[in-house]
PDB file of N, CA and C in Angstrom:
ATOM      1  N   MET A   1      11.059   8.694 -16.486  1.00  0.00           N
ATOM      2  CA  MET A   1       9.740   8.099 -16.614  1.00  0.00           C
ATOM      3  C   MET A   1       9.110   7.985 -15.219  1.00  0.00           C
ATOM      4  N   ARG A   2       7.914   8.474 -15.083  1.00  0.00           N
ATOM      5  CA  ARG A   2       7.188   8.408 -13.808  1.00  0.00           C
ATOM      6  C   ARG A   2       6.654   6.997 -13.604  1.00  0.00           C
ATOM      7  N   ARG A   3       6.563   6.607 -12.334  1.00  0.00           N
ATOM      8  CA  ARG A   3       6.003   5.297 -11.990  1.00  0.00           C
ATOM      9  C   ARG A   3       4.856   5.508 -11.022  1.00  0.00           C
ATOM     10  N   TYR A   4       3.834   4.707 -11.194  1.00  0.00           N
ATOM     11  CA  TYR A   4       2.649   4.762 -10.339  1.00  0.00           C
ATOM     12  C   TYR A   4       2.340   3.345  -9.886  1.00  0.00           C
ATOM     13  N   PHE A   5       1.783   3.248  -8.706  1.00  0.00           N
ATOM     14  CA  PHE A   5       1.523   1.940  -8.124  1.00  0.00           C
ATOM     15  C   PHE A   5       0.086   1.854  -7.628  1.00  0.00           C
ATOM     16  N   VAL A   6      -0.554   0.742  -7.946  1.00  0.00           N
ATOM     17  CA  VAL A   6      -1.822   0.379  -7.330  1.00  0.00           C
ATOM     18  C   VAL A   6      -1.449  -0.696  -6.321  1.00  0.00           C
ATOM     19  N   TYR A   7      -1.940  -0.557  -5.113  1.00  0.00           N
ATOM     20  CA  TYR A   7      -1.487  -1.457  -4.063  1.00  0.00           C
ATOM     21  C   TYR A   7      -2.653  -1.882  -3.178  1.00  0.00           C
ATOM     22  N   ILE A   8      -2.431  -3.017  -2.504  1.00  0.00           N
ATOM     23  CA  ILE A   8      -3.394  -3.499  -1.515  1.00  0.00           C
ATOM     24  C   ILE A   8      -2.641  -3.670  -0.206  1.00  0.00           C
ATOM     25  N   MET A   9      -3.180  -3.034   0.824  1.00  0.00           N
ATOM     26  CA  MET A   9      -2.659  -3.164   2.182  1.00  0.00           C
ATOM     27  C   MET A   9      -3.642  -4.029   2.965  1.00  0.00           C
ATOM     28  N   ALA A  10      -3.130  -4.697   4.001  1.00  0.00           N
ATOM     29  CA  ALA A  10      -3.982  -5.544   4.832  1.00  0.00           C
ATOM     30  C   ALA A  10      -3.597  -5.402   6.294  1.00  0.00           C
ATOM     31  N   SER A  11      -4.567  -5.633   7.148  1.00  0.00           N
ATOM     32  CA  SER A  11      -4.301  -5.702   8.590  1.00  0.00           C
ATOM     33  C   SER A  11      -4.012  -7.164   8.929  1.00  0.00           C
ATOM     34  N   ARG A  12      -3.634  -7.408  10.159  1.00  0.00           N
ATOM     35  CA  ARG A  12      -3.400  -8.796  10.593  1.00  0.00           C
ATOM     36  C   ARG A  12      -4.672  -9.634  10.472  1.00  0.00           C
ATOM     37  N   SER A  13      -5.819  -9.001  10.674  1.00  0.00           N
ATOM     38  CA  SER A  13      -7.090  -9.728  10.557  1.00  0.00           C
ATOM     39  C   SER A  13      -7.623  -9.700   9.115  1.00  0.00           C
ATOM     40  N   ARG A  14      -6.802  -9.217   8.202  1.00  0.00           N
ATOM     41  CA  ARG A  14      -7.062  -9.211   6.764  1.00  0.00           C
ATOM     42  C   ARG A  14      -8.148  -8.237   6.313  1.00  0.00           C
ATOM     43  N   VAL A  15      -8.254  -7.119   6.998  1.00  0.00           N
ATOM     44  CA  VAL A  15      -9.038  -5.997   6.484  1.00  0.00           C
ATOM     45  C   VAL A  15      -8.228  -5.451   5.319  1.00  0.00           C
ATOM     46  N   LEU A  16      -8.873  -5.160   4.185  1.00  0.00           N
ATOM     47  CA  LEU A  16      -8.168  -4.742   2.974  1.00  0.00           C
ATOM     48  C   LEU A  16      -8.380  -3.274   2.647  1.00  0.00           C
ATOM     49  N   TYR A  17      -7.348  -2.675   2.043  1.00  0.00           N
ATOM     50  CA  TYR A  17      -7.408  -1.301   1.554  1.00  0.00           C
ATOM     51  C   TYR A  17      -6.710  -1.252   0.207  1.00  0.00           C
ATOM     52  N   VAL A  18      -7.356  -0.663  -0.796  1.00  0.00           N
ATOM     53  CA  VAL A  18      -6.774  -0.504  -2.128  1.00  0.00           C
ATOM     54  C   VAL A  18      -6.472   0.968  -2.347  1.00  0.00           C
ATOM     55  N   GLY A  19      -5.274   1.261  -2.848  1.00  0.00           N
ATOM     56  CA  GLY A  19      -4.901   2.649  -3.091  1.00  0.00           C
ATOM     57  C   GLY A  19      -4.020   2.789  -4.317  1.00  0.00           C
ATOM     58  N   VAL A  20      -3.712   4.040  -4.672  1.00  0.00           N
ATOM     59  CA  VAL A  20      -2.821   4.356  -5.786  1.00  0.00           C
ATOM     60  C   VAL A  20      -1.864   5.449  -5.317  1.00  0.00           C
ATOM     61  N   THR A  21      -0.615   5.393  -5.767  1.00  0.00           N
ATOM     62  CA  THR A  21       0.389   6.372  -5.368  1.00  0.00           C
ATOM     63  C   THR A  21       1.499   6.443  -6.410  1.00  0.00           C
ATOM     64  N   ASN A  22       2.264   7.530  -6.358  1.00  0.00           N
ATOM     65  CA  ASN A  22       3.440   7.628  -7.223  1.00  0.00           C
ATOM     66  C   ASN A  22       4.720   7.356  -6.428  1.00  0.00           C
ATOM     67  N   ASP A  23       4.591   7.076  -5.147  1.00  0.00           N
ATOM     68  CA  ASP A  23       5.744   6.776  -4.302  1.00  0.00           C
ATOM     69  C   ASP A  23       5.325   5.691  -3.299  1.00  0.00           C
ATOM     70  N   LEU A  24       5.521   4.456  -3.692  1.00  0.00           N
ATOM     71  CA  LEU A  24       5.030   3.334  -2.897  1.00  0.00           C
ATOM     72  C   LEU A  24       5.693   3.272  -1.518  1.00  0.00           C
ATOM     73  N   ALA A  25       6.992   3.456  -1.459  1.00  0.00           N
ATOM     74  CA  ALA A  25       7.684   3.383  -0.166  1.00  0.00           C
ATOM     75  C   ALA A  25       7.169   4.451   0.798  1.00  0.00           C
ATOM     76  N   ARG A  26       7.008   5.674   0.318  1.00  0.00           N
ATOM     77  CA  ARG A  26       6.508   6.759   1.168  1.00  0.00           C
ATOM     78  C   ARG A  26       5.093   6.457   1.648  1.00  0.00           C
ATOM     79  N   ARG A  27       4.244   6.010   0.730  1.00  0.00           N
ATOM     80  CA  ARG A  27       2.842   5.773   1.078  1.00  0.00           C
ATOM     81  C   ARG A  27       2.704   4.619   2.068  1.00  0.00           C
ATOM     82  N   VAL A  28       3.459   3.544   1.861  1.00  0.00           N
ATOM     83  CA  VAL A  28       3.425   2.415   2.801  1.00  0.00           C
ATOM     84  C   VAL A  28       3.904   2.882   4.179  1.00  0.00           C
ATOM     85  N   ASN A  29       4.940   3.700   4.195  1.00  0.00           N
ATOM     86  CA  ASN A  29       5.444   4.256   5.445  1.00  0.00           C
ATOM     87  C   ASN A  29       4.347   5.049   6.156  1.00  0.00           C
ATOM     88  N   GLU A  30       3.593   5.842   5.410  1.00  0.00           N
ATOM     89  CA  GLU A  30       2.495   6.610   6.001  1.00  0.00           C
ATOM     90  C   GLU A  30       1.449   5.690   6.621  1.00  0.00           C
ATOM     91  N   HIS A  31       1.129   4.603   5.930  1.00  0.00           N
ATOM     92  CA  HIS A  31       0.174   3.637   6.486  1.00  0.00           C
ATOM     93  C   HIS A  31       0.743   2.982   7.746  1.00  0.00           C
ATOM     94  N   LYS A  32       1.995   2.563   7.687  1.00  0.00           N
ATOM     95  CA  LYS A  32       2.605   1.869   8.823  1.00  0.00           C
ATOM     96  C   LYS A  32       2.663   2.752  10.064  1.00  0.00           C
ATOM     97  N   GLN A  33       2.893   4.038   9.869  1.00  0.00           N
ATOM     98  CA  GLN A  33       2.994   4.953  11.008  1.00  0.00           C
ATOM     99  C   GLN A  33       1.666   5.627  11.335  1.00  0.00           C
ATOM    100  N   ALA A  34       0.607   5.257  10.617  1.00  0.00           N
ATOM    101  CA  ALA A  34      -0.727   5.833  10.835  1.00  0.00           C
ATOM    102  C   ALA A  34      -0.673   7.362  10.811  1.00  0.00           C
ATOM    103  N   LEU A  35      -0.001   7.908   9.805  1.00  0.00           N
ATOM    104  CA  LEU A  35       0.182   9.356   9.718  1.00  0.00           C
ATOM    105  C   LEU A  35      -1.071  10.094   9.277  1.00  0.00           C
ATOM    106  N   THR A  36      -1.978   9.395   8.619  1.00  0.00           N
ATOM    107  CA  THR A  36      -3.239  10.021   8.234  1.00  0.00           C
ATOM    108  C   THR A  36      -4.371   9.323   8.971  1.00  0.00           C
ATOM    109  N   HIS A  37      -5.262  10.115   9.499  1.00  0.00           N
ATOM    110  CA  HIS A  37      -6.396   9.546  10.234  1.00  0.00           C
ATOM    111  C   HIS A  37      -7.443   9.085   9.237  1.00  0.00           C
ATOM    112  N   GLY A  38      -7.949   7.915   9.449  1.00  0.00           N
ATOM    113  CA  GLY A  38      -8.960   7.380   8.555  1.00  0.00           C
ATOM    114  C   GLY A  38      -9.021   5.871   8.647  1.00  0.00           C
ATOM    115  N   PHE A  39      -9.467   5.277   7.565  1.00  0.00           N
ATOM    116  CA  PHE A  39      -9.722   3.843   7.520  1.00  0.00           C
ATOM    117  C   PHE A  39      -8.499   3.019   7.906  1.00  0.00           C
ATOM    118  N   THR A  40      -7.347   3.287   7.272  1.00  0.00           N
ATOM    119  CA  THR A  40      -6.181   2.424   7.501  1.00  0.00           C
ATOM    120  C   THR A  40      -5.619   2.554   8.905  1.00  0.00           C
ATOM    121  N   SER A  41      -5.665   3.740   9.476  1.00  0.00           N
ATOM    122  CA  SER A  41      -5.183   3.870  10.856  1.00  0.00           C
ATOM    123  C   SER A  41      -6.192   3.275  11.836  1.00  0.00           C
ATOM    124  N   LYS A  42      -7.477   3.450  11.561  1.00  0.00           N
ATOM    125  CA  LYS A  42      -8.518   2.909  12.437  1.00  0.00           C
ATOM    126  C   LYS A  42      -8.446   1.387  12.526  1.00  0.00           C
ATOM    127  N   TYR A  43      -8.217   0.733  11.380  1.00  0.00           N
ATOM    128  CA  TYR A  43      -8.204  -0.726  11.340  1.00  0.00           C
ATOM    129  C   TYR A  43      -6.791  -1.325  11.327  1.00  0.00           C
ATOM    130  N   ARG A  44      -5.790  -0.485  11.563  1.00  0.00           N
ATOM    131  CA  ARG A  44      -4.389  -0.918  11.616  1.00  0.00           C
ATOM    132  C   ARG A  44      -3.978  -1.698  10.364  1.00  0.00           C
ATOM    133  N   VAL A  45      -4.257  -1.105   9.226  1.00  0.00           N
ATOM    134  CA  VAL A  45      -3.918  -1.701   7.934  1.00  0.00           C
ATOM    135  C   VAL A  45      -2.485  -1.281   7.613  1.00  0.00           C
ATOM    136  N   THR A  46      -1.527  -2.171   7.854  1.00  0.00           N
ATOM    137  CA  THR A  46      -0.109  -1.792   7.793  1.00  0.00           C
ATOM    138  C   THR A  46       0.772  -2.700   6.942  1.00  0.00           C
ATOM    139  N   ARG A  47       0.211  -3.739   6.345  1.00  0.00           N
ATOM    140  CA  ARG A  47       1.045  -4.678   5.580  1.00  0.00           C
ATOM    141  C   ARG A  47       0.754  -4.564   4.094  1.00  0.00           C
ATOM    142  N   LEU A  48       1.790  -4.321   3.307  1.00  0.00           N
ATOM    143  CA  LEU A  48       1.660  -4.303   1.857  1.00  0.00           C
ATOM    144  C   LEU A  48       1.619  -5.750   1.377  1.00  0.00           C
ATOM    145  N   VAL A  49       0.474  -6.168   0.814  1.00  0.00           N
ATOM    146  CA  VAL A  49       0.349  -7.574   0.403  1.00  0.00           C
ATOM    147  C   VAL A  49       0.284  -7.750  -1.109  1.00  0.00           C
ATOM    148  N   TYR A  50       0.116  -6.640  -1.850  1.00  0.00           N
ATOM    149  CA  TYR A  50       0.026  -6.747  -3.314  1.00  0.00           C
ATOM    150  C   TYR A  50       0.270  -5.377  -3.927  1.00  0.00           C
ATOM    151  N   PHE A  51       0.926  -5.344  -5.085  1.00  0.00           N
ATOM    152  CA  PHE A  51       1.034  -4.085  -5.825  1.00  0.00           C
ATOM    153  C   PHE A  51       1.293  -4.356  -7.299  1.00  0.00           C
ATOM    154  N   GLU A  52       0.927  -3.379  -8.113  1.00  0.00           N
ATOM    155  CA  GLU A  52       1.176  -3.391  -9.548  1.00  0.00           C
ATOM    156  C   GLU A  52       1.795  -2.049  -9.912  1.00  0.00           C
ATOM    157  N   GLU A  53       2.660  -2.033 -10.921  1.00  0.00           N
ATOM    158  CA  GLU A  53       3.333  -0.812 -11.345  1.00  0.00           C
ATOM    159  C   GLU A  53       2.837  -0.379 -12.729  1.00  0.00           C
ATOM    160  N   PHE A  54       2.691   0.940 -12.909  1.00  0.00           N
ATOM    161  CA  PHE A  54       2.210   1.517 -14.168  1.00  0.00           C
ATOM    162  C   PHE A  54       3.057   2.734 -14.527  1.00  0.00           C
ATOM    163  N   THR A  55       3.050   3.105 -15.797  1.00  0.00           N
ATOM    164  CA  THR A  55       3.734   4.325 -16.229  1.00  0.00           C
ATOM    165  C   THR A  55       2.747   5.424 -16.601  1.00  0.00           C
ATOM    166  N   ASP A  56       1.474   5.099 -16.647  1.00  0.00           N
ATOM    167  CA  ASP A  56       0.431   6.070 -16.996  1.00  0.00           C
ATOM    168  C   ASP A  56      -0.535   6.190 -15.817  1.00  0.00           C
ATOM    169  N   ILE A  57      -0.637   7.391 -15.261  1.00  0.00           N
ATOM    170  CA  ILE A  57      -1.490   7.597 -14.087  1.00  0.00           C
ATOM    171  C   ILE A  57      -2.945   7.279 -14.384  1.00  0.00           C
ATOM    172  N   ARG A  58      -3.389   7.548 -15.597  1.00  0.00           N
ATOM    173  CA  ARG A  58      -4.796   7.272 -15.937  1.00  0.00           C
ATOM    174  C   ARG A  58      -5.082   5.773 -15.890  1.00  0.00           C
ATOM    175  N   VAL A  59      -4.142   4.986 -16.359  1.00  0.00           N
ATOM    176  CA  VAL A  59      -4.299   3.526 -16.320  1.00  0.00           C
ATOM    177  C   VAL A  59      -4.260   3.036 -14.869  1.00  0.00           C
ATOM    178  N   ALA A  60      -3.375   3.614 -14.070  1.00  0.00           N
ATOM    179  CA  ALA A  60      -3.271   3.220 -12.660  1.00  0.00           C
ATOM    180  C   ALA A  60      -4.563   3.537 -11.913  1.00  0.00           C
ATOM    181  N   ILE A  61      -5.109   4.729 -12.130  1.00  0.00           N
ATOM    182  CA  ILE A  61      -6.356   5.112 -11.454  1.00  0.00           C
ATOM    183  C   ILE A  61      -7.507   4.223 -11.899  1.00  0.00           C
ATOM    184  N   ALA A  62      -7.551   3.902 -13.186  1.00  0.00           N
ATOM    185  CA  ALA A  62      -8.608   3.013 -13.688  1.00  0.00           C
ATOM    186  C   ALA A  62      -8.490   1.627 -13.037  1.00  0.00           C
ATOM    187  N   ARG A  63      -7.257   1.148 -12.883  1.00  0.00           N
ATOM    188  CA  ARG A  63      -7.054  -0.160 -12.244  1.00  0.00           C
ATOM    189  C   ARG A  63      -7.454  -0.117 -10.762  1.00  0.00           C
ATOM    190  N   GLU A  64      -7.102   0.975 -10.079  1.00  0.00           N
ATOM    191  CA  GLU A  64      -7.505   1.120  -8.675  1.00  0.00           C
ATOM    192  C   GLU A  64      -9.024   1.058  -8.556  1.00  0.00           C
ATOM    193  N   LYS A  65      -9.719   1.784  -9.408  1.00  0.00           N
ATOM    194  CA  LYS A  65     -11.188   1.785  -9.370  1.00  0.00           C
ATOM    195  C   LYS A  65     -11.741   0.398  -9.673  1.00  0.00           C
ATOM    196  N   GLU A  66     -11.087  -0.295 -10.617  1.00  0.00           N
ATOM    197  CA  GLU A  66     -11.518  -1.657 -10.946  1.00  0.00           C
ATOM    198  C   GLU A  66     -11.399  -2.565  -9.724  1.00  0.00           C
ATOM    199  N   LEU A  67     -10.235  -2.533  -9.068  1.00  0.00           N
ATOM    200  CA  LEU A  67     -10.026  -3.392  -7.899  1.00  0.00           C
ATOM    201  C   LEU A  67     -10.975  -3.026  -6.762  1.00  0.00           C
ATOM    202  N   LYS A  68     -11.211  -1.741  -6.557  1.00  0.00           N
ATOM    203  CA  LYS A  68     -12.133  -1.319  -5.502  1.00  0.00           C
ATOM    204  C   LYS A  68     -13.547  -1.827  -5.758  1.00  0.00           C
ATOM    205  N   GLY A  69     -13.889  -2.045  -7.019  1.00  0.00           N
ATOM    206  CA  GLY A  69     -15.207  -2.547  -7.372  1.00  0.00           C
ATOM    207  C   GLY A  69     -15.356  -4.049  -7.237  1.00  0.00           C
ATOM    208  N   TRP A  70     -14.242  -4.738  -7.071  1.00  0.00           N
ATOM    209  CA  TRP A  70     -14.276  -6.190  -6.943  1.00  0.00           C
ATOM    210  C   TRP A  70     -14.813  -6.606  -5.580  1.00  0.00           C
ATOM    211  N   LYS A  71     -15.428  -7.780  -5.555  1.00  0.00           N
ATOM    212  CA  LYS A  71     -15.824  -8.386  -4.278  1.00  0.00           C
ATOM    213  C   LYS A  71     -14.568  -8.830  -3.543  1.00  0.00           C
ATOM    214  N   ARG A  72     -14.691  -8.909  -2.234  1.00  0.00           N
ATOM    215  CA  ARG A  72     -13.566  -9.278  -1.377  1.00  0.00           C
ATOM    216  C   ARG A  72     -12.912 -10.599  -1.813  1.00  0.00           C
ATOM    217  N   CYS A  73     -13.697 -11.601  -2.140  1.00  0.00           N
ATOM    218  CA  CYS A  73     -13.139 -12.906  -2.494  1.00  0.00           C
ATOM    219  C   CYS A  73     -12.248 -12.820  -3.738  1.00  0.00           C
ATOM    220  N   ARG A  74     -12.599 -11.959  -4.664  1.00  0.00           N
ATOM    221  CA  ARG A  74     -11.776 -11.797  -5.873  1.00  0.00           C
ATOM    222  C   ARG A  74     -10.456 -11.087  -5.536  1.00  0.00           C
ATOM    223  N   LYS A  75     -10.494 -10.118  -4.629  1.00  0.00           N
ATOM    224  CA  LYS A  75      -9.267  -9.444  -4.187  1.00  0.00           C
ATOM    225  C   LYS A  75      -8.348 -10.445  -3.484  1.00  0.00           C
ATOM    226  N   ILE A  76      -8.926 -11.317  -2.678  1.00  0.00           N
ATOM    227  CA  ILE A  76      -8.138 -12.335  -1.976  1.00  0.00           C
ATOM    228  C   ILE A  76      -7.481 -13.275  -2.984  1.00  0.00           C
ATOM    229  N   GLU A  77      -8.200 -13.668  -4.009  1.00  0.00           N
ATOM    230  CA  GLU A  77      -7.621 -14.521  -5.052  1.00  0.00           C
ATOM    231  C   GLU A  77      -6.449 -13.818  -5.739  1.00  0.00           C
ATOM    232  N   LEU A  78      -6.585 -12.521  -5.998  1.00  0.00           N
ATOM    233  CA  LEU A  78      -5.511 -11.754  -6.625  1.00  0.00           C
ATOM    234  C   LEU A  78      -4.284 -11.737  -5.723  1.00  0.00           C
ATOM    235  N   ILE A  79      -4.472 -11.445  -4.450  1.00  0.00           N
ATOM    236  CA  ILE A  79      -3.357 -11.408  -3.495  1.00  0.00           C
ATOM    237  C   ILE A  79      -2.679 -12.772  -3.420  1.00  0.00           C
ATOM    238  N   GLU A  80      -3.474 -13.811  -3.220  1.00  0.00           N
ATOM    239  CA  GLU A  80      -2.907 -15.145  -3.017  1.00  0.00           C
ATOM    240  C   GLU A  80      -2.321 -15.743  -4.290  1.00  0.00           C
ATOM    241  N   GLY A  81      -2.640 -15.161  -5.437  1.00  0.00           N
ATOM    242  CA  GLY A  81      -2.026 -15.605  -6.686  1.00  0.00           C
ATOM    243  C   GLY A  81      -0.528 -15.336  -6.729  1.00  0.00           C
ATOM    244  N   SER A  82      -0.069 -14.316  -5.987  1.00  0.00           N
ATOM    245  CA  SER A  82       1.361 -14.002  -5.957  1.00  0.00           C
ATOM    246  C   SER A  82       1.933 -13.954  -4.541  1.00  0.00           C
ATOM    247  N   ASN A  83       1.073 -13.992  -3.528  1.00  0.00           N
ATOM    248  CA  ASN A  83       1.524 -13.863  -2.143  1.00  0.00           C
ATOM    249  C   ASN A  83       0.641 -14.746  -1.257  1.00  0.00           C
ATOM    250  N   LEU A  84       0.798 -16.031  -1.414  1.00  0.00           N
ATOM    251  CA  LEU A  84      -0.073 -17.008  -0.766  1.00  0.00           C
ATOM    252  C   LEU A  84      -0.138 -16.844   0.757  1.00  0.00           C
ATOM    253  N   THR A  85       0.967 -16.487   1.373  1.00  0.00           N
ATOM    254  CA  THR A  85       1.016 -16.391   2.836  1.00  0.00           C
ATOM    255  C   THR A  85       0.810 -14.964   3.353  1.00  0.00           C
ATOM    256  N   TRP A  86       0.437 -14.050   2.478  1.00  0.00           N
ATOM    257  CA  TRP A  86       0.153 -12.657   2.852  1.00  0.00           C
ATOM    258  C   TRP A  86       1.340 -11.993   3.541  1.00  0.00           C
ATOM    259  N   ASP A  87       2.553 -12.283   3.056  1.00  0.00           N
ATOM    260  CA  ASP A  87       3.742 -11.649   3.603  1.00  0.00           C
ATOM    261  C   ASP A  87       3.703 -10.149   3.348  1.00  0.00           C
ATOM    262  N   ASP A  88       4.340  -9.383   4.208  1.00  0.00           N
ATOM    263  CA  ASP A  88       4.479  -7.943   4.008  1.00  0.00           C
ATOM    264  C   ASP A  88       5.554  -7.740   2.946  1.00  0.00           C
ATOM    265  N   LEU A  89       5.176  -7.184   1.806  1.00  0.00           N
ATOM    266  CA  LEU A  89       6.082  -7.018   0.684  1.00  0.00           C
ATOM    267  C   LEU A  89       6.873  -5.723   0.737  1.00  0.00           C
ATOM    268  N   SER A  90       6.608  -4.894   1.722  1.00  0.00           N
ATOM    269  CA  SER A  90       7.334  -3.627   1.805  1.00  0.00           C
ATOM    270  C   SER A  90       8.762  -3.880   2.246  1.00  0.00           C
ATOM    271  N   PRO A  91       9.689  -3.097   1.670  1.00  0.00           N
ATOM    272  CA  PRO A  91      11.081  -3.258   2.092  1.00  0.00           C
ATOM    273  C   PRO A  91      11.246  -2.763   3.525  1.00  0.00           C
ATOM    274  N   PRO A  92      12.268  -3.232   4.213  1.00  0.00           N
ATOM    275  CA  PRO A  92      12.514  -2.696   5.554  1.00  0.00           C
ATOM    276  C   PRO A  92      12.725  -1.186   5.445  1.00  0.00           C
ATOM    277  N   LEU A  93      12.015  -0.440   6.251  1.00  0.00           N
ATOM    278  CA  LEU A  93      12.103   1.016   6.188  1.00  0.00           C
ATOM    279  C   LEU A  93      12.723   1.544   7.468  1.00  0.00           C
ATOM    280  N   ILE A  94      13.527   2.570   7.314  1.00  0.00           N
ATOM    281  CA  ILE A  94      14.103   3.242   8.471  1.00  0.00           C
ATOM    282  C   ILE A  94      13.348   4.544   8.646  1.00  0.00           C
ATOM    283  N   PHE A  95      12.790   4.751   9.812  1.00  0.00           N
ATOM    284  CA  PHE A  95      11.974   5.924  10.067  1.00  0.00           C
ATOM    285  C   PHE A  95      12.795   6.971  10.798  1.00  0.00           C
ATOM    286  N   PHE A  96      12.802   8.179  10.259  1.00  0.00           N
ATOM    287  CA  PHE A  96      13.485   9.297  10.892  1.00  0.00           C
ATOM    288  C   PHE A  96      12.480  10.388  11.196  1.00  0.00           C
ATOM    289  N   ARG A  97      12.627  11.022  12.336  1.00  0.00           N
ATOM    290  CA  ARG A  97      11.874  12.237  12.593  1.00  0.00           C
ATOM    291  C   ARG A  97      12.585  13.359  11.870  1.00  0.00           C
ATOM    292  N   LYS A  98      11.877  14.423  11.557  1.00  0.00           N
ATOM    293  CA  LYS A  98      12.480  15.537  10.829  1.00  0.00           C
ATOM    294  C   LYS A  98      13.711  16.068  11.549  1.00  0.00           C
ATOM    295  N   ARG A  99      13.646  16.230  12.850  1.00  0.00           N
ATOM    296  CA  ARG A  99      14.806  16.790  13.560  1.00  0.00           C
ATOM    297  C   ARG A  99      15.986  15.815  13.529  1.00  0.00           C
ATOM    298  N   ASP A 100      15.733  14.502  13.519  1.00  0.00           N
ATOM    299  CA  ASP A 100      16.814  13.527  13.430  1.00  0.00           C
ATOM    300  C   ASP A 100      17.488  13.603  12.070  1.00  0.00           C
ATOM    301  N   ALA A 101      16.700  13.808  11.019  1.00  0.00           N
ATOM    302  CA  ALA A 101      17.249  13.900   9.665  1.00  0.00           C
ATOM    303  C   ALA A 101      18.173  15.109   9.564  1.00  0.00           C
ATOM    304  N   ARG A 102      17.815  16.221  10.217  1.00  0.00           N
ATOM    305  CA  ARG A 102      18.664  17.414  10.172  1.00  0.00           C
ATOM    306  C   ARG A 102      20.004  17.172  10.865  1.00  0.00           C
ATOM    307  N   LEU A 103      19.993  16.389  11.916  1.00  0.00           N
ATOM    308  CA  LEU A 103      21.224  16.121  12.642  1.00  0.00           C
ATOM    309  C   LEU A 103      22.227  15.316  11.822  1.00  0.00           C
ATOM    310  N   SER A 104      21.724  14.479  10.914  1.00  0.00           N
ATOM    311  CA  SER A 104      22.618  13.636  10.115  1.00  0.00           C
ATOM    312  C   SER A 104      23.114  14.351   8.865  1.00  0.00           C
ATOM    313  N   SER A 105      22.623  15.553   8.578  1.00  0.00           N
ATOM    314  CA  SER A 105      23.050  16.290   7.377  1.00  0.00           C
ATOM    315  C   SER A 105      24.408  16.905   7.562  1.00  0.00           C
TER     316      SER A 105
END
């Protein structure tokens, strides 16, 4: 069964980003390492503060669009409903460069 995630990332100054992915750990890692140039790297949006899991990509995309349409205050209420202190919910990740991964094989 495939899993999809709608997630909210935040910067230390609480700039918010809403996204959808089928691999939450990989996507959070990309945000943390600023691997893609754009909004999240520009504003240093690196903390996973909220996520929801789905089994249907269409439902996940619809939820992402719904959250993106919300006003900021409503997104904050959603985050603080389960993560009052805005803790980073991402698991500790170990980052390997491609050449390092080959050495351990």
